[in-house]
C-alpha atoms as a PDB file:
ATOM      1  CA  MET A   1      95.344 167.601  88.684  1.00  0.00           C
ATOM      2  CA  ARG A   2      98.051 169.742  87.124  1.00  0.00           C
ATOM      3  CA  ILE A   3     100.510 167.856  85.007  1.00  0.00           C
ATOM      4  CA  GLY A   4     103.806 168.888  83.606  1.00  0.00           C
ATOM      5  CA  LEU A   5     105.202 167.560  80.363  1.00  0.00           C
ATOM      6  CA  ALA A   6     108.774 167.672  79.092  1.00  0.00           C
ATOM      7  CA  GLY A   7     109.330 167.032  75.277  1.00  0.00           C
ATOM      8  CA  VAL A   8     106.744 167.837  72.579  1.00  0.00           C
ATOM      9  CA  GLY A   9     108.316 166.056  69.710  1.00  0.00           C
ATOM     10  CA  ARG A  10     106.281 163.083  67.879  1.00  0.00           C
ATOM     11  CA  ILE A  11     105.481 161.099  71.153  1.00  0.00           C
ATOM     12  CA  GLY A  12     105.567 164.176  73.482  1.00  0.00           C
ATOM     13  CA  ALA A  13     102.806 165.953  71.302  1.00  0.00           C
ATOM     14  CA  PHE A  14     100.735 162.866  71.172  1.00  0.00           C
ATOM     15  CA  HIS A  15     101.132 162.527  74.998  1.00  0.00           C
ATOM     16  CA  ALA A  16     100.102 166.139  75.434  1.00  0.00           C
ATOM     17  CA  GLU A  17      96.999 165.460  73.379  1.00  0.00           C
ATOM     18  CA  THR A  18      96.110 162.395  75.351  1.00  0.00           C
ATOM     19  CA  LEU A  19      96.565 163.918  78.731  1.00  0.00           C
ATOM     20  CA  LEU A  20      94.160 166.860  77.770  1.00  0.00           C
ATOM     21  CA  GLY A  21      91.639 164.392  76.786  1.00  0.00           C
ATOM     22  CA  LEU A  22      91.543 162.624  80.004  1.00  0.00           C
ATOM     23  CA  ASP A  23      89.075 163.773  82.871  1.00  0.00           C
ATOM     24  CA  PHE A  24      91.612 163.992  85.819  1.00  0.00           C
ATOM     25  CA  VAL A  25      93.843 166.778  83.855  1.00  0.00           C
ATOM     26  CA  ASP A  26      92.804 170.290  84.773  1.00  0.00           C
ATOM     27  CA  GLU A  27      95.917 171.856  83.574  1.00  0.00           C
ATOM     28  CA  LEU A  28      98.761 170.815  81.468  1.00  0.00           C
ATOM     29  CA  VAL A  29     102.104 172.726  81.327  1.00  0.00           C
ATOM     30  CA  VAL A  30     104.724 171.960  78.732  1.00  0.00           C
ATOM     31  CA  THR A  31     108.446 172.808  78.126  1.00  0.00           C
ATOM     32  CA  ASP A  32     110.894 171.680  75.320  1.00  0.00           C
ATOM     33  CA  ALA A  33     114.421 172.296  74.648  1.00  0.00           C
ATOM     34  CA  ASP A  34     113.250 173.951  71.364  1.00  0.00           C
ATOM     35  CA  PRO A  35     111.301 176.753  72.694  1.00  0.00           C
ATOM     36  CA  GLY A  36     109.677 177.535  69.414  1.00  0.00           C
ATOM     37  CA  ALA A  37     108.397 174.062  69.241  1.00  0.00           C
ATOM     38  CA  GLY A  38     107.289 173.952  72.760  1.00  0.00           C
ATOM     39  CA  ARG A  39     105.279 177.274  72.392  1.00  0.00           C
ATOM     40  CA  GLU A  40     103.575 176.259  69.109  1.00  0.00           C
ATOM     41  CA  VAL A  41     102.149 173.041  70.866  1.00  0.00           C
ATOM     42  CA  ALA A  42     101.159 174.843  73.951  1.00  0.00           C
ATOM     43  CA  ASN A  43      99.509 177.389  72.013  1.00  0.00           C
ATOM     44  CA  ARG A  44      97.759 174.905  69.743  1.00  0.00           C
ATOM     45  CA  LEU A  45      96.619 172.804  72.406  1.00  0.00           C
ATOM     46  CA  GLY A  46      95.681 175.338  75.075  1.00  0.00           C
ATOM     47  CA  ALA A  47      98.433 174.349  77.539  1.00  0.00           C
ATOM     48  CA  GLU A  48     100.756 176.480  79.487  1.00  0.00           C
ATOM     49  CA  TRP A  49     104.101 177.264  78.438  1.00  0.00           C
ATOM     50  CA  SER A  50     107.280 176.802  80.922  1.00  0.00           C
ATOM     51  CA  PRO A  51     110.530 178.170  79.773  1.00  0.00           C
ATOM     52  CA  ASP A  52     112.496 175.493  81.432  1.00  0.00           C
ATOM     53  CA  VAL A  53     112.205 172.079  83.438  1.00  0.00           C
ATOM     54  CA  ASP A  54     112.964 173.656  86.747  1.00  0.00           C
ATOM     55  CA  ALA A  55     110.514 176.290  86.336  1.00  0.00           C
ATOM     56  CA  LEU A  56     108.052 173.729  85.342  1.00  0.00           C
ATOM     57  CA  LEU A  57     108.826 171.523  88.383  1.00  0.00           C
ATOM     58  CA  ALA A  58     108.487 174.563  90.753  1.00  0.00           C
ATOM     59  CA  SER A  59     105.156 175.604  89.379  1.00  0.00           C
ATOM     60  CA  GLY A  60     103.139 173.038  91.542  1.00  0.00           C
ATOM     61  CA  VAL A  61     102.699 170.333  89.165  1.00  0.00           C
ATOM     62  CA  ASP A  62     100.920 167.009  90.763  1.00  0.00           C
ATOM     63  CA  GLY A  63     102.818 164.776  88.145  1.00  0.00           C
ATOM     64  CA  PHE A  64     105.964 164.945  85.671  1.00  0.00           C
ATOM     65  CA  VAL A  65     105.775 163.337  82.270  1.00  0.00           C
ATOM     66  CA  ILE A  66     109.080 162.877  80.298  1.00  0.00           C
ATOM     67  CA  ALA A  67     108.662 162.492  76.721  1.00  0.00           C
ATOM     68  CA  ALA A  68     112.092 164.228  75.542  1.00  0.00           C
ATOM     69  CA  ALA A  69     114.587 162.730  73.319  1.00  0.00           C
ATOM     70  CA  THR A  70     116.080 159.542  74.769  1.00  0.00           C
ATOM     71  CA  PRO A  71     119.427 161.167  75.697  1.00  0.00           C
ATOM     72  CA  ALA A  72     117.592 163.578  78.025  1.00  0.00           C
ATOM     73  CA  HIS A  73     115.820 160.956  79.837  1.00  0.00           C
ATOM     74  CA  ALA A  74     118.051 160.260  82.732  1.00  0.00           C
ATOM     75  CA  THR A  75     118.947 164.048  83.594  1.00  0.00           C
ATOM     76  CA  LEU A  76     115.045 164.732  83.503  1.00  0.00           C
ATOM     77  CA  LEU A  77     114.268 161.764  85.660  1.00  0.00           C
ATOM     78  CA  ARG A  78     116.889 162.848  88.199  1.00  0.00           C
ATOM     79  CA  GLN A  79     115.199 166.322  88.278  1.00  0.00           C
ATOM     80  CA  GLY A  80     111.861 164.871  88.822  1.00  0.00           C
ATOM     81  CA  ILE A  81     113.165 162.588  91.562  1.00  0.00           C
ATOM     82  CA  ALA A  82     114.924 165.604  93.352  1.00  0.00           C
ATOM     83  CA  ALA A  83     111.927 167.797  93.006  1.00  0.00           C
ATOM     84  CA  GLY A  84     109.906 165.013  94.799  1.00  0.00           C
ATOM     85  CA  VAL A  85     107.187 165.117  92.045  1.00  0.00           C
ATOM     86  CA  PRO A  86     105.715 161.743  90.882  1.00  0.00           C
ATOM     87  CA  THR A  87     107.307 160.859  87.456  1.00  0.00           C
ATOM     88  CA  PHE A  88     106.376 159.163  84.277  1.00  0.00           C
ATOM     89  CA  CYS A  89     109.339 158.355  81.895  1.00  0.00           C
ATOM     90  CA  GLU A  90     108.992 157.011  78.408  1.00  0.00           C
ATOM     91  CA  LYS A  91     111.230 154.084  77.787  1.00  0.00           C
ATOM     92  CA  PRO A  92     114.317 153.728  78.069  1.00  0.00           C
ATOM     93  CA  VAL A  93     115.060 155.635  81.268  1.00  0.00           C
ATOM     94  CA  ALA A  94     118.614 156.073  79.975  1.00  0.00           C
ATOM     95  CA  ALA A  95     120.849 155.132  77.247  1.00  0.00           C
ATOM     96  CA  THR A  96     123.204 152.977  78.855  1.00  0.00           C
ATOM     97  CA  LEU A  97     123.078 150.009  81.032  1.00  0.00           C
ATOM     98  CA  ALA A  98     125.394 151.440  83.784  1.00  0.00           C
ATOM     99  CA  GLU A  99     123.070 154.650  83.965  1.00  0.00           C
ATOM    100  CA  THR A 100     119.779 152.439  84.022  1.00  0.00           C
ATOM    101  CA  ILE A 101     121.361 150.571  86.961  1.00  0.00           C
ATOM    102  CA  ASP A 102     122.149 153.730  88.835  1.00  0.00           C
ATOM    103  CA  LEU A 103     118.692 155.069  88.187  1.00  0.00           C
ATOM    104  CA  ALA A 104     117.005 151.763  89.415  1.00  0.00           C
ATOM    105  CA  LYS A 105     119.258 152.281  92.625  1.00  0.00           C
ATOM    106  CA  LEU A 106     118.101 155.836  92.757  1.00  0.00           C
ATOM    107  CA  ALA A 107     114.461 154.969  92.330  1.00  0.00           C
ATOM    108  CA  ALA A 108     114.619 152.318  94.968  1.00  0.00           C
ATOM    109  CA  SER A 109     116.293 154.572  97.409  1.00  0.00           C
ATOM    110  CA  THR A 110     113.314 157.157  97.261  1.00  0.00           C
ATOM    111  CA  ASP A 111     109.564 157.510  98.242  1.00  0.00           C
ATOM    112  CA  VAL A 112     108.968 159.378  94.923  1.00  0.00           C
ATOM    113  CA  PRO A 113     107.140 157.191  92.377  1.00  0.00           C
ATOM    114  CA  VAL A 114     108.348 156.565  89.217  1.00  0.00           C
ATOM    115  CA  HIS A 115     106.281 154.782  86.285  1.00  0.00           C
ATOM    116  CA  VAL A 116     108.194 153.742  83.221  1.00  0.00           C
ATOM    117  CA  GLY A 117     106.070 153.864  79.966  1.00  0.00           C
ATOM    118  CA  PHE A 118     105.735 150.336  78.479  1.00  0.00           C
ATOM    119  CA  GLN A 119     102.205 150.887  77.379  1.00  0.00           C
ATOM    120  CA  ARG A 120     101.670 147.135  76.085  1.00  0.00           C
ATOM    121  CA  ARG A 121     101.033 146.230  79.831  1.00  0.00           C
ATOM    122  CA  PHE A 122      97.985 148.295  79.617  1.00  0.00           C
ATOM    123  CA  ASP A 123      96.583 146.696  76.297  1.00  0.00           C
ATOM    124  CA  ARG A 124      93.586 144.565  77.177  1.00  0.00           C
ATOM    125  CA  GLY A 125      94.774 141.928  74.630  1.00  0.00           C
ATOM    126  CA  TYR A 126      98.258 141.423  76.369  1.00  0.00           C
ATOM    127  CA  GLN A 127      96.372 141.645  79.793  1.00  0.00           C
ATOM    128  CA  ARG A 128      94.016 138.790  78.692  1.00  0.00           C
ATOM    129  CA  LEU A 129      97.015 136.840  77.546  1.00  0.00           C
ATOM    130  CA  ALA A 130      98.791 137.327  80.750  1.00  0.00           C
ATOM    131  CA  GLN A 131      95.922 135.899  82.700  1.00  0.00           C
ATOM    132  CA  ALA A 132      95.608 132.774  80.228  1.00  0.00           C
ATOM    133  CA  VAL A 133      99.449 132.106  80.572  1.00  0.00           C
ATOM    134  CA  GLN A 134      99.819 132.510  84.429  1.00  0.00           C
ATOM    135  CA  GLY A 135      96.365 131.132  85.178  1.00  0.00           C
ATOM    136  CA  GLY A 136      97.262 127.817  83.476  1.00  0.00           C
ATOM    137  CA  GLU A 137      94.407 127.891  80.767  1.00  0.00           C
ATOM    138  CA  LEU A 138      96.858 127.096  78.120  1.00  0.00           C
ATOM    139  CA  GLY A 139      98.457 124.284  80.091  1.00  0.00           C
ATOM    140  CA  PHE A 140     102.128 124.264  80.257  1.00  0.00           C
ATOM    141  CA  VAL A 141     103.254 127.018  77.692  1.00  0.00           C
ATOM    142  CA  HIS A 142     106.266 125.600  75.634  1.00  0.00           C
ATOM    143  CA  SER A 143     106.632 128.589  73.214  1.00  0.00           C
ATOM    144  CA  ILE A 144     106.095 132.101  72.667  1.00  0.00           C
ATOM    145  CA  ARG A 145     106.252 134.410  69.372  1.00  0.00           C
ATOM    146  CA  ALA A 146     106.686 138.058  69.547  1.00  0.00           C
ATOM    147  CA  ALA A 147     106.933 140.681  66.854  1.00  0.00           C
ATOM    148  CA  THR A 148     107.348 144.356  66.458  1.00  0.00           C
ATOM    149  CA  HIS A 149     107.386 145.085  62.670  1.00  0.00           C
ATOM    150  CA  ASP A 150     107.368 148.913  61.835  1.00  0.00           C
ATOM    151  CA  GLN A 151     105.650 149.885  58.597  1.00  0.00           C
ATOM    152  CA  SER A 152     108.459 152.106  57.705  1.00  0.00           C
ATOM    153  CA  PRO A 153     111.852 153.095  59.092  1.00  0.00           C
ATOM    154  CA  PRO A 154     112.511 156.216  61.346  1.00  0.00           C
ATOM    155  CA  PRO A 155     114.303 159.313  60.095  1.00  0.00           C
ATOM    156  CA  ALA A 156     118.104 158.500  59.650  1.00  0.00           C
ATOM    157  CA  ALA A 157     119.201 161.152  62.254  1.00  0.00           C
ATOM    158  CA  TYR A 158     117.130 158.803  64.936  1.00  0.00           C
ATOM    159  CA  VAL A 159     119.167 155.852  64.460  1.00  0.00           C
ATOM    160  CA  PRO A 160     122.513 156.619  65.795  1.00  0.00           C
ATOM    161  CA  THR A 161     120.803 157.578  69.111  1.00  0.00           C
ATOM    162  CA  SER A 162     118.392 154.892  69.231  1.00  0.00           C
ATOM    163  CA  GLY A 163     120.653 152.219  71.053  1.00  0.00           C
ATOM    164  CA  GLY A 164     119.850 149.914  68.256  1.00  0.00           C
ATOM    165  CA  ILE A 165     117.020 147.883  67.124  1.00  0.00           C
ATOM    166  CA  PHE A 166     116.947 145.545  70.263  1.00  0.00           C
ATOM    167  CA  ARG A 167     117.175 148.433  72.712  1.00  0.00           C
ATOM    168  CA  ASP A 168     114.845 150.660  70.991  1.00  0.00           C
ATOM    169  CA  CYS A 169     112.321 148.408  69.196  1.00  0.00           C
ATOM    170  CA  ASN A 170     112.355 144.831  70.720  1.00  0.00           C
ATOM    171  CA  VAL A 171     112.672 146.199  74.400  1.00  0.00           C
ATOM    172  CA  HIS A 172     108.872 146.404  74.291  1.00  0.00           C
ATOM    173  CA  ASP A 173     108.605 142.388  73.378  1.00  0.00           C
ATOM    174  CA  PHE A 174     111.299 141.831  76.266  1.00  0.00           C
ATOM    175  CA  ASP A 175     109.262 143.774  78.802  1.00  0.00           C
ATOM    176  CA  ILE A 176     105.775 142.264  77.928  1.00  0.00           C
ATOM    177  CA  LEU A 177     107.170 138.984  77.781  1.00  0.00           C
ATOM    178  CA  ARG A 178     108.087 139.065  81.478  1.00  0.00           C
ATOM    179  CA  PHE A 179     104.762 140.615  82.278  1.00  0.00           C
ATOM    180  CA  VAL A 180     102.573 138.009  80.325  1.00  0.00           C
ATOM    181  CA  THR A 181     104.832 134.986  81.418  1.00  0.00           C
ATOM    182  CA  GLY A 182     105.838 136.218  85.127  1.00  0.00           C
ATOM    183  CA  ARG A 183     109.178 134.438  84.214  1.00  0.00           C
ATOM    184  CA  GLU A 184     112.733 135.700  83.487  1.00  0.00           C
ATOM    185  CA  VAL A 185     114.906 135.518  80.405  1.00  0.00           C
ATOM    186  CA  VAL A 186     118.133 133.249  80.972  1.00  0.00           C
ATOM    187  CA  SER A 187     119.828 133.134  77.756  1.00  0.00           C
ATOM    188  CA  VAL A 188     119.596 134.655  74.361  1.00  0.00           C
ATOM    189  CA  GLN A 189     120.768 133.864  70.902  1.00  0.00           C
ATOM    190  CA  ALA A 190     120.344 136.854  68.418  1.00  0.00           C
ATOM    191  CA  THR A 191     121.118 137.945  65.005  1.00  0.00           C
ATOM    192  CA  GLY A 192     120.424 140.809  62.531  1.00  0.00           C
ATOM    193  CA  ALA A 193     120.537 142.030  58.922  1.00  0.00           C
ATOM    194  CA  ASN A 194     120.287 144.954  56.622  1.00  0.00           C
ATOM    195  CA  LYS A 195     118.547 145.124  53.084  1.00  0.00           C
ATOM    196  CA  GLY A 196     117.262 148.632  53.399  1.00  0.00           C
ATOM    197  CA  GLU A 197     118.741 152.003  53.645  1.00  0.00           C
ATOM    198  CA  PRO A 198     122.548 152.097  54.163  1.00  0.00           C
ATOM    199  CA  PHE A 199     122.180 154.496  57.442  1.00  0.00           C
ATOM    200  CA  PHE A 200     121.426 151.518  59.564  1.00  0.00           C
ATOM    201  CA  GLY A 201     124.551 149.800  58.737  1.00  0.00           C
ATOM    202  CA  GLU A 202     126.441 153.104  59.123  1.00  0.00           C
ATOM    203  CA  ALA A 203     125.226 153.645  62.775  1.00  0.00           C
ATOM    204  CA  GLY A 204     126.166 150.075  63.538  1.00  0.00           C
ATOM    205  CA  ASP A 205     122.510 148.976  63.690  1.00  0.00           C
ATOM    206  CA  VAL A 206     120.261 146.671  61.588  1.00  0.00           C
ATOM    207  CA  ASP A 207     116.863 147.121  59.975  1.00  0.00           C
ATOM    208  CA  THR A 208     115.722 143.350  60.752  1.00  0.00           C
ATOM    209  CA  ALA A 209     116.449 141.280  63.874  1.00  0.00           C
ATOM    210  CA  ALA A 210     115.573 138.007  65.401  1.00  0.00           C
ATOM    211  CA  ALA A 211     116.433 136.375  68.730  1.00  0.00           C
ATOM    212  CA  VAL A 212     115.592 133.103  70.490  1.00  0.00           C
ATOM    213  CA  LEU A 213     115.000 133.536  73.998  1.00  0.00           C
ATOM    214  CA  THR A 214     115.209 130.794  76.967  1.00  0.00           C
ATOM    215  CA  LEU A 215     113.083 131.577  80.016  1.00  0.00           C
ATOM    216  CA  ASP A 216     113.750 130.380  83.400  1.00  0.00           C
ATOM    217  CA  ASP A 217     111.242 127.478  83.116  1.00  0.00           C
ATOM    218  CA  ASP A 218     112.520 126.481  79.645  1.00  0.00           C
ATOM    219  CA  THR A 219     109.949 127.980  77.654  1.00  0.00           C
ATOM    220  CA  LEU A 220     111.239 129.294  74.290  1.00  0.00           C
ATOM    221  CA  ALA A 221     110.590 132.700  72.861  1.00  0.00           C
ATOM    222  CA  LEU A 222     111.043 133.810  69.313  1.00  0.00           C
ATOM    223  CA  VAL A 223     111.489 137.396  68.997  1.00  0.00           C
ATOM    224  CA  SER A 224     111.565 139.361  65.628  1.00  0.00           C
ATOM    225  CA  ALA A 225     111.642 143.187  64.435  1.00  0.00           C
ATOM    226  CA  THR A 226     111.872 145.023  61.376  1.00  0.00           C
ATOM    227  CA  ARG A 227     111.730 148.562  60.053  1.00  0.00           C
ATOM    228  CA  TYR A 228     110.244 147.601  56.855  1.00  0.00           C
ATOM    229  CA  ASN A 229     106.860 145.857  57.192  1.00  0.00           C
ATOM    230  CA  GLY A 230     105.326 147.629  54.206  1.00  0.00           C
ATOM    231  CA  ALA A 231     101.753 145.737  55.009  1.00  0.00           C
ATOM    232  CA  GLY A 232     101.232 148.025  58.039  1.00  0.00           C
ATOM    233  CA  HIS A 233     102.392 148.220  61.754  1.00  0.00           C
ATOM    234  CA  ASP A 234     102.388 144.747  62.993  1.00  0.00           C
ATOM    235  CA  VAL A 235     102.611 143.998  66.753  1.00  0.00           C
ATOM    236  CA  ARG A 236     101.679 140.340  68.026  1.00  0.00           C
ATOM    237  CA  MET A 237     102.549 137.924  70.523  1.00  0.00           C
ATOM    238  CA  GLU A 238     101.295 134.116  70.368  1.00  0.00           C
ATOM    239  CA  ALA A 239     101.487 131.797  73.421  1.00  0.00           C
ATOM    240  CA  HIS A 240     101.504 127.843  72.570  1.00  0.00           C
ATOM    241  CA  GLY A 241     100.690 125.365  75.196  1.00  0.00           C
ATOM    242  CA  SER A 242      99.987 121.921  76.009  1.00  0.00           C
ATOM    243  CA  GLU A 243      96.213 122.501  76.255  1.00  0.00           C
ATOM    244  CA  GLY A 244      95.658 125.488  73.811  1.00  0.00           C
ATOM    245  CA  ALA A 245      97.029 128.499  72.061  1.00  0.00           C
ATOM    246  CA  MET A 246      96.087 132.456  72.200  1.00  0.00           C
ATOM    247  CA  ALA A 247      97.358 135.457  70.417  1.00  0.00           C
ATOM    248  CA  VAL A 248      97.375 139.222  70.820  1.00  0.00           C
ATOM    249  CA  GLY A 249      97.046 141.243  67.502  1.00  0.00           C
ATOM    250  CA  LEU A 250      95.033 138.583  65.640  1.00  0.00           C
ATOM    251  CA  ASP A 251      92.050 140.851  64.488  1.00  0.00           C
ATOM    252  CA  ASP A 252      90.969 142.371  61.136  1.00  0.00           C
ATOM    253  CA  SER A 253      94.170 144.921  61.444  1.00  0.00           C
ATOM    254  CA  LEU A 254      96.511 142.278  61.178  1.00  0.00           C
ATOM    255  CA  ALA A 255      99.188 143.299  58.633  1.00  0.00           C
ATOM    256  CA  PHE A 256      98.905 140.160  56.501  1.00  0.00           C
ATOM    257  CA  ARG A 257      96.916 138.698  53.633  1.00  0.00           C
ATOM    258  CA  SER A 258      96.053 135.046  53.135  1.00  0.00           C
ATOM    259  CA  ALA A 259      97.616 133.082  50.338  1.00  0.00           C
ATOM    260  CA  GLU A 260      94.803 130.668  50.772  1.00  0.00           C
ATOM    261  CA  GLU A 261      92.237 130.699  48.147  1.00  0.00           C
ATOM    262  CA  GLY A 262      88.860 132.091  49.273  1.00  0.00           C
ATOM    263  CA  VAL A 263      90.166 133.547  52.559  1.00  0.00           C
ATOM    264  CA  ALA A 264      89.115 136.990  53.105  1.00  0.00           C
ATOM    265  CA  PHE A 265      90.535 137.577  56.689  1.00  0.00           C
ATOM    266  CA  PRO A 266      91.804 139.934  57.757  1.00  0.00           C
ATOM    267  CA  HIS A 267      89.449 142.663  56.162  1.00  0.00           C
ATOM    268  CA  GLY A 268      91.673 145.748  57.572  1.00  0.00           C
ATOM    269  CA  PRO A 269      92.171 148.614  57.788  1.00  0.00           C
ATOM    270  CA  GLN A 270      95.904 148.036  58.974  1.00  0.00           C
ATOM    271  CA  HIS A 271      97.442 150.293  61.437  1.00  0.00           C
ATOM    272  CA  ARG A 272     100.177 152.599  60.213  1.00  0.00           C
ATOM    273  CA  SER A 273     101.735 153.401  63.575  1.00  0.00           C
ATOM    274  CA  PHE A 274     102.513 152.304  66.958  1.00  0.00           C
ATOM    275  CA  MET A 275     100.482 155.394  68.381  1.00  0.00           C
ATOM    276  CA  GLU A 276      97.351 154.130  66.293  1.00  0.00           C
ATOM    277  CA  ARG A 277      97.849 150.740  67.465  1.00  0.00           C
ATOM    278  CA  PHE A 278      98.150 151.359  71.202  1.00  0.00           C
ATOM    279  CA  LEU A 279      95.940 154.616  71.512  1.00  0.00           C
ATOM    280  CA  PRO A 280      93.601 153.067  74.030  1.00  0.00           C
ATOM    281  CA  ALA A 281      96.601 151.512  75.939  1.00  0.00           C
ATOM    282  CA  TYR A 282      98.384 154.914  76.302  1.00  0.00           C
ATOM    283  CA  ARG A 283      95.393 156.340  77.594  1.00  0.00           C
ATOM    284  CA  ALA A 284      95.078 153.517  80.260  1.00  0.00           C
ATOM    285  CA  GLU A 285      98.680 153.972  81.044  1.00  0.00           C
ATOM    286  CA  LEU A 286      98.510 157.683  81.685  1.00  0.00           C
ATOM    287  CA  THR A 287      95.333 157.194  83.897  1.00  0.00           C
ATOM    288  CA  ALA A 288      97.293 154.658  85.729  1.00  0.00           C
ATOM    289  CA  PHE A 289     100.136 157.285  86.186  1.00  0.00           C
ATOM    290  CA  ALA A 290      97.623 159.647  87.581  1.00  0.00           C
ATOM    291  CA  GLU A 291      96.498 157.047  90.273  1.00  0.00           C
ATOM    292  CA  VAL A 292     100.235 156.440  90.862  1.00  0.00           C
ATOM    293  CA  ALA A 293     100.860 160.153  91.536  1.00  0.00           C
ATOM    294  CA  ARG A 294      97.829 160.455  93.825  1.00  0.00           C
ATOM    295  CA  GLY A 295      99.091 157.454  95.852  1.00  0.00           C
ATOM    296  CA  ASP A 296      95.919 155.292  94.891  1.00  0.00           C
ATOM    297  CA  ARG A 297      98.191 152.482  93.315  1.00  0.00           C
ATOM    298  CA  ALA A 298     101.678 151.098  93.376  1.00  0.00           C
ATOM    299  CA  THR A 299     103.954 151.883  90.343  1.00  0.00           C
ATOM    300  CA  PRO A 300     102.629 149.425  87.753  1.00  0.00           C
ATOM    301  CA  CYS A 301     106.265 149.278  85.906  1.00  0.00           C
ATOM    302  CA  SER A 302     109.112 150.305  87.910  1.00  0.00           C
ATOM    303  CA  VAL A 303     112.603 151.404  86.806  1.00  0.00           C
ATOM    304  CA  GLU A 304     113.779 148.085  87.975  1.00  0.00           C
ATOM    305  CA  ASP A 305     111.536 146.430  85.618  1.00  0.00           C
ATOM    306  CA  ALA A 306     113.013 148.690  82.621  1.00  0.00           C
ATOM    307  CA  LEU A 307     116.296 147.689  83.720  1.00  0.00           C
ATOM    308  CA  GLN A 308     115.594 143.751  83.362  1.00  0.00           C
ATOM    309  CA  ALA A 309     114.163 144.325  79.763  1.00  0.00           C
ATOM    310  CA  PHE A 310     117.197 146.682  78.822  1.00  0.00           C
ATOM    311  CA  ARG A 311     119.462 143.775  80.185  1.00  0.00           C
ATOM    312  CA  VAL A 312     117.793 141.404  77.654  1.00  0.00           C
ATOM    313  CA  ALA A 313     118.222 143.848  74.977  1.00  0.00           C
ATOM    314  CA  GLU A 314     121.833 144.195  75.986  1.00  0.00           C
ATOM    315  CA  ALA A 315     122.415 140.604  75.896  1.00  0.00           C
ATOM    316  CA  CYS A 316     120.724 140.272  72.363  1.00  0.00           C
ATOM    317  CA  GLU A 317     123.036 143.105  71.065  1.00  0.00           C
ATOM    318  CA  LEU A 318     126.185 141.157  72.629  1.00  0.00           C
ATOM    319  CA  SER A 319     125.008 138.148  71.035  1.00  0.00           C
ATOM    320  CA  ARG A 320     124.570 139.797  67.536  1.00  0.00           C
ATOM    321  CA  HIS A 321     127.967 141.284  67.553  1.00  0.00           C
ATOM    322  CA  GLU A 322     129.842 138.264  68.980  1.00  0.00           C
ATOM    323  CA  GLY A 323     127.744 135.569  67.234  1.00  0.00           C
ATOM    324  CA  ARG A 324     127.011 133.564  70.301  1.00  0.00           C
ATOM    325  CA  PRO A 325     124.602 132.491  72.899  1.00  0.00           C
ATOM    326  CA  VAL A 326     124.723 135.162  75.813  1.00  0.00           C
ATOM    327  CA  ARG A 327     123.565 134.221  79.274  1.00  0.00           C
ATOM    328  CA  LEU A 328     121.736 136.962  81.227  1.00  0.00           C
ATOM    329  CA  GLU A 329     124.226 136.255  84.108  1.00  0.00           C
ATOM    330  CA  GLU A 330     126.931 137.926  82.035  1.00  0.00           C
ATOM    331  CA  ILE A 331     124.835 141.337  82.014  1.00  0.00           C
ATOM    332  CA  GLU A 332     125.238 143.289  84.973  1.00  0.00           C
ATOM    333  CA  THR A 333     122.398 144.176  87.058  1.00  0.00           C
ATOM    334  CA  LEU A 334     121.430 145.572  90.712  1.00  0.00           C
END
């Protein structure tokens, strides 16, 4: 297959290398708003360079991968759909709720496949947990704990365009919560705080956040995030039920050390980034996109799925700012 890629920043260059390591990719064409950066990555990886997105989409690509900066996602997704090219878009598909809704309507009105990049859906641990939860293996699940704790903060320039910690970071937890449970969130209560660099507060954001979510079957989910988890990159989910409990991320890479005497677990090494933590999932995700582009499977994560996760993040931001519980029915949807 001939795959086009827009954006060669941190995640874009990572996707480019991943794509070139997959058997189904015969040719990779890249473009970037910064021609110098784009050409450097193309030359380093042996990919083809395209001067702009229009030229890339007109060059006979079988699939289009969007890994540019968040503000460009909506425009690029519209271009991919207009060109009739199966499109993969990193989350979020847009920076605002209104535009996400518009894109969900657009995607629903076309036959062009769109796959949104929530890679945790392709992690074997989360898939196993979904099987256990939805198959009744744990009895009735009464509570879930989900965490996304980054080892170190992003650059200061990234924060004002990130959408805030709930939209940028916890949105992965909100999506995988829907995937694992098969349920919807009906209300949230969220808060946040800053104890690190002042640029978070200056951007109206927080460096640490927490929320209690109530699902439509009265399951309670406790979700947390921080930009300062010095022990390592820590992404986990625990499901607690009447007949048992199960966790994702409970292995030797766990970014913890025990206070109990004589306990050596976990042995390490710890993960340092989300790319390291989820490399197998990213490979599986892009392989799934190839199957979508070939027409061999339905989209495993739609724009509407992205919208529902975004709505939860929107509700959490509203709750944090107003200091009150927020019901999801207050947040606009399709």
